[in-house]
Amino acid sequence: MKDRIHLFDVRLPCRIGVPPEERAQRQEIVLDVSMETSLRLPALSEEVADTIDYAAVLDLIAKVVAGREWVLVETLAEAICAAVLAEFPADSVRILLRKPAALRERGTGAAGVEMERRR
């Protein structure tokens, strides 16, 4: 059984949307991120160096999100997964990415994707 580190309810401004006019203004996206990794060593050592630094993960995700305009949430979720796996010693990363403004006029609280990638 593997352990997981979670970041819940990460809210970031993002230029995202299919039509260019939707990308003209930033809108909020909401992420839940889960990284599978062994937490045995940091649980014993109490050393941040022995675990995945939550703040560093958050900084990386914010950098990816702000790095360009995105058309599809699928593309953004894939980019976040790839960046996390490239930068941190996680065996897998799972992203639940929601776009609250999507389909709001049709009564939907949010639309989004869930994606998991492994090494």
C-alpha atoms as a PDB file:
ATOM      1  CA  MET A   1       0.000   0.000   0.000  1.00  0.00           C
ATOM      2  CA  LYS A   2       1.289   3.436  -0.916  1.00  0.00           C
ATOM      3  CA  ASP A   3       0.862   6.642   0.968  1.00  0.00           C
ATOM      4  CA  ARG A   4      -0.489   9.842  -0.565  1.00  0.00           C
ATOM      5  CA  ILE A   5       0.124  13.534  -0.122  1.00  0.00           C
ATOM      6  CA  HIS A   6      -2.899  15.702  -0.956  1.00  0.00           C
ATOM      7  CA  LEU A   7      -3.441  19.345  -1.786  1.00  0.00           C
ATOM      8  CA  PHE A   8      -7.137  20.192  -1.660  1.00  0.00           C
ATOM      9  CA  ASP A   9      -9.078  23.084  -3.095  1.00  0.00           C
ATOM     10  CA  VAL A  10      -6.152  24.839  -4.792  1.00  0.00           C
ATOM     11  CA  ARG A  11      -7.597  27.949  -6.428  1.00  0.00           C
ATOM     12  CA  LEU A  12      -5.635  29.654  -9.195  1.00  0.00           C
ATOM     13  CA  PRO A  13      -6.375  32.266 -11.853  1.00  0.00           C
ATOM     14  CA  CYS A  14      -6.045  30.860 -15.356  1.00  0.00           C
ATOM     15  CA  ARG A  15      -6.534  31.892 -18.958  1.00  0.00           C
ATOM     16  CA  ILE A  16      -8.455  28.898 -20.254  1.00  0.00           C
ATOM     17  CA  GLY A  17     -11.279  28.224 -22.684  1.00  0.00           C
ATOM     18  CA  VAL A  18     -12.051  27.073 -26.186  1.00  0.00           C
ATOM     19  CA  PRO A  19     -13.036  30.425 -27.724  1.00  0.00           C
ATOM     20  CA  PRO A  20     -10.335  33.131 -27.635  1.00  0.00           C
ATOM     21  CA  GLU A  21     -12.740  35.573 -25.965  1.00  0.00           C
ATOM     22  CA  GLU A  22     -13.049  33.203 -22.998  1.00  0.00           C
ATOM     23  CA  ARG A  23      -9.263  33.189 -22.629  1.00  0.00           C
ATOM     24  CA  ALA A  24      -9.149  37.011 -22.766  1.00  0.00           C
ATOM     25  CA  GLN A  25      -9.828  37.205 -19.028  1.00  0.00           C
ATOM     26  CA  ARG A  26      -8.567  35.029 -16.239  1.00  0.00           C
ATOM     27  CA  GLN A  27     -11.010  32.747 -14.518  1.00  0.00           C
ATOM     28  CA  GLU A  28     -10.593  30.600 -11.464  1.00  0.00           C
ATOM     29  CA  ILE A  29      -9.756  26.929 -11.687  1.00  0.00           C
ATOM     30  CA  VAL A  30      -9.893  24.619  -8.684  1.00  0.00           C
ATOM     31  CA  LEU A  31      -7.574  21.647  -8.243  1.00  0.00           C
ATOM     32  CA  ASP A  32      -7.222  18.691  -5.944  1.00  0.00           C
ATOM     33  CA  VAL A  33      -3.818  17.035  -6.279  1.00  0.00           C
ATOM     34  CA  SER A  34      -2.816  13.654  -4.908  1.00  0.00           C
ATOM     35  CA  MET A  35       0.727  12.273  -5.077  1.00  0.00           C
ATOM     36  CA  GLU A  36       1.523   8.667  -4.272  1.00  0.00           C
ATOM     37  CA  THR A  37       4.814   8.255  -2.410  1.00  0.00           C
ATOM     38  CA  SER A  38       6.187   6.472   0.619  1.00  0.00           C
ATOM     39  CA  LEU A  39       5.825   8.550   3.757  1.00  0.00           C
ATOM     40  CA  ARG A  40       7.573   6.058   6.063  1.00  0.00           C
ATOM     41  CA  LEU A  41      10.922   7.901   6.195  1.00  0.00           C
ATOM     42  CA  PRO A  42       9.551  11.415   6.803  1.00  0.00           C
ATOM     43  CA  ALA A  43       7.132  10.017   9.394  1.00  0.00           C
ATOM     44  CA  LEU A  44      10.132   8.723  11.339  1.00  0.00           C
ATOM     45  CA  SER A  45      12.631  11.500  10.678  1.00  0.00           C
ATOM     46  CA  GLU A  46      10.313  14.539  10.805  1.00  0.00           C
ATOM     47  CA  GLU A  47      12.551  16.105   8.138  1.00  0.00           C
ATOM     48  CA  VAL A  48      11.007  18.097   5.303  1.00  0.00           C
ATOM     49  CA  ALA A  49      13.916  17.001   3.098  1.00  0.00           C
ATOM     50  CA  ASP A  50      12.606  13.412   3.359  1.00  0.00           C
ATOM     51  CA  THR A  51       9.186  14.198   1.920  1.00  0.00           C
ATOM     52  CA  ILE A  52       7.605  16.137  -0.924  1.00  0.00           C
ATOM     53  CA  ASP A  53       7.414  19.826  -0.004  1.00  0.00           C
ATOM     54  CA  TYR A  54       3.757  20.869  -0.379  1.00  0.00           C
ATOM     55  CA  ALA A  55       4.637  24.520  -0.929  1.00  0.00           C
ATOM     56  CA  ALA A  56       7.084  23.609  -3.708  1.00  0.00           C
ATOM     57  CA  VAL A  57       4.401  21.536  -5.432  1.00  0.00           C
ATOM     58  CA  LEU A  58       1.956  24.416  -5.179  1.00  0.00           C
ATOM     59  CA  ASP A  59       4.544  26.836  -6.603  1.00  0.00           C
ATOM     60  CA  LEU A  60       5.224  24.502  -9.543  1.00  0.00           C
ATOM     61  CA  ILE A  61       1.521  24.077 -10.319  1.00  0.00           C
ATOM     62  CA  ALA A  62       0.983  27.846 -10.199  1.00  0.00           C
ATOM     63  CA  LYS A  63       3.907  28.304 -12.600  1.00  0.00           C
ATOM     64  CA  VAL A  64       2.479  25.755 -15.059  1.00  0.00           C
ATOM     65  CA  VAL A  65      -0.996  27.316 -14.913  1.00  0.00           C
ATOM     66  CA  ALA A  66       0.339  30.855 -15.459  1.00  0.00           C
ATOM     67  CA  GLY A  67       2.830  29.781 -18.119  1.00  0.00           C
ATOM     68  CA  ARG A  68       0.481  30.115 -21.085  1.00  0.00           C
ATOM     69  CA  GLU A  69      -3.112  30.261 -22.228  1.00  0.00           C
ATOM     70  CA  TRP A  70      -4.885  26.910 -22.220  1.00  0.00           C
ATOM     71  CA  VAL A  71      -7.670  25.788 -24.539  1.00  0.00           C
ATOM     72  CA  LEU A  72      -8.673  22.506 -22.874  1.00  0.00           C
ATOM     73  CA  VAL A  73      -8.674  21.506 -19.209  1.00  0.00           C
ATOM     74  CA  GLU A  74      -7.384  18.133 -20.417  1.00  0.00           C
ATOM     75  CA  THR A  75      -4.213  19.747 -21.770  1.00  0.00           C
ATOM     76  CA  LEU A  76      -3.642  21.693 -18.566  1.00  0.00           C
ATOM     77  CA  ALA A  77      -4.186  18.623 -16.368  1.00  0.00           C
ATOM     78  CA  GLU A  78      -1.702  16.643 -18.485  1.00  0.00           C
ATOM     79  CA  ALA A  79       0.886  19.432 -18.216  1.00  0.00           C
ATOM     80  CA  ILE A  80       0.507  19.605 -14.434  1.00  0.00           C
ATOM     81  CA  CYS A  81       0.870  15.825 -14.070  1.00  0.00           C
ATOM     82  CA  ALA A  82       3.996  15.796 -16.254  1.00  0.00           C
ATOM     83  CA  ALA A  83       5.592  18.690 -14.354  1.00  0.00           C
ATOM     84  CA  VAL A  84       4.926  17.154 -10.930  1.00  0.00           C
ATOM     85  CA  LEU A  85       6.331  13.773 -11.979  1.00  0.00           C
ATOM     86  CA  ALA A  86       9.408  15.439 -13.518  1.00  0.00           C
ATOM     87  CA  GLU A  87      10.149  17.540 -10.426  1.00  0.00           C
ATOM     88  CA  PHE A  88       9.177  15.392  -7.434  1.00  0.00           C
ATOM     89  CA  PRO A  89       9.736  11.769  -6.347  1.00  0.00           C
ATOM     90  CA  ALA A  90       6.097  10.741  -6.598  1.00  0.00           C
ATOM     91  CA  ASP A  91       5.195   7.339  -8.029  1.00  0.00           C
ATOM     92  CA  SER A  92       1.981   8.794  -9.412  1.00  0.00           C
ATOM     93  CA  VAL A  93       0.014  12.004  -9.461  1.00  0.00           C
ATOM     94  CA  ARG A  94      -3.742  12.396  -9.684  1.00  0.00           C
ATOM     95  CA  ILE A  95      -5.374  15.703 -10.578  1.00  0.00           C
ATOM     96  CA  LEU A  96      -9.021  16.662 -10.252  1.00  0.00           C
ATOM     97  CA  LEU A  97      -9.264  19.948 -12.144  1.00  0.00           C
ATOM     98  CA  ARG A  98     -12.517  21.888 -12.069  1.00  0.00           C
ATOM     99  CA  LYS A  99     -13.546  24.960 -14.000  1.00  0.00           C
ATOM    100  CA  PRO A 100     -16.396  26.536 -11.996  1.00  0.00           C
ATOM    101  CA  ALA A 101     -17.437  29.030 -14.686  1.00  0.00           C
ATOM    102  CA  ALA A 102     -17.892  26.328 -17.319  1.00  0.00           C
ATOM    103  CA  LEU A 103     -21.568  25.679 -18.016  1.00  0.00           C
ATOM    104  CA  ARG A 104     -22.644  27.863 -15.089  1.00  0.00           C
ATOM    105  CA  GLU A 105     -25.405  29.341 -17.238  1.00  0.00           C
ATOM    106  CA  ARG A 106     -26.784  25.794 -17.565  1.00  0.00           C
ATOM    107  CA  GLY A 107     -26.913  25.248 -13.813  1.00  0.00           C
ATOM    108  CA  THR A 108     -23.680  23.299 -13.389  1.00  0.00           C
ATOM    109  CA  GLY A 109     -21.472  24.037 -10.397  1.00  0.00           C
ATOM    110  CA  ALA A 110     -18.320  23.130 -12.342  1.00  0.00           C
ATOM    111  CA  ALA A 111     -17.024  21.045 -15.211  1.00  0.00           C
ATOM    112  CA  GLY A 112     -13.654  19.354 -15.148  1.00  0.00           C
ATOM    113  CA  VAL A 113     -11.458  16.327 -15.585  1.00  0.00           C
ATOM    114  CA  GLU A 114      -9.724  13.812 -13.381  1.00  0.00           C
ATOM    115  CA  MET A 115      -6.423  12.382 -14.555  1.00  0.00           C
ATOM    116  CA  GLU A 116      -3.840  10.044 -13.066  1.00  0.00           C
ATOM    117  CA  ARG A 117      -0.352   9.512 -14.419  1.00  0.00           C
ATOM    118  CA  ARG A 118       2.317   7.085 -13.191  1.00  0.00           C
ATOM    119  CA  ARG A 119       6.037   6.865 -13.710  1.00  0.00           C
END
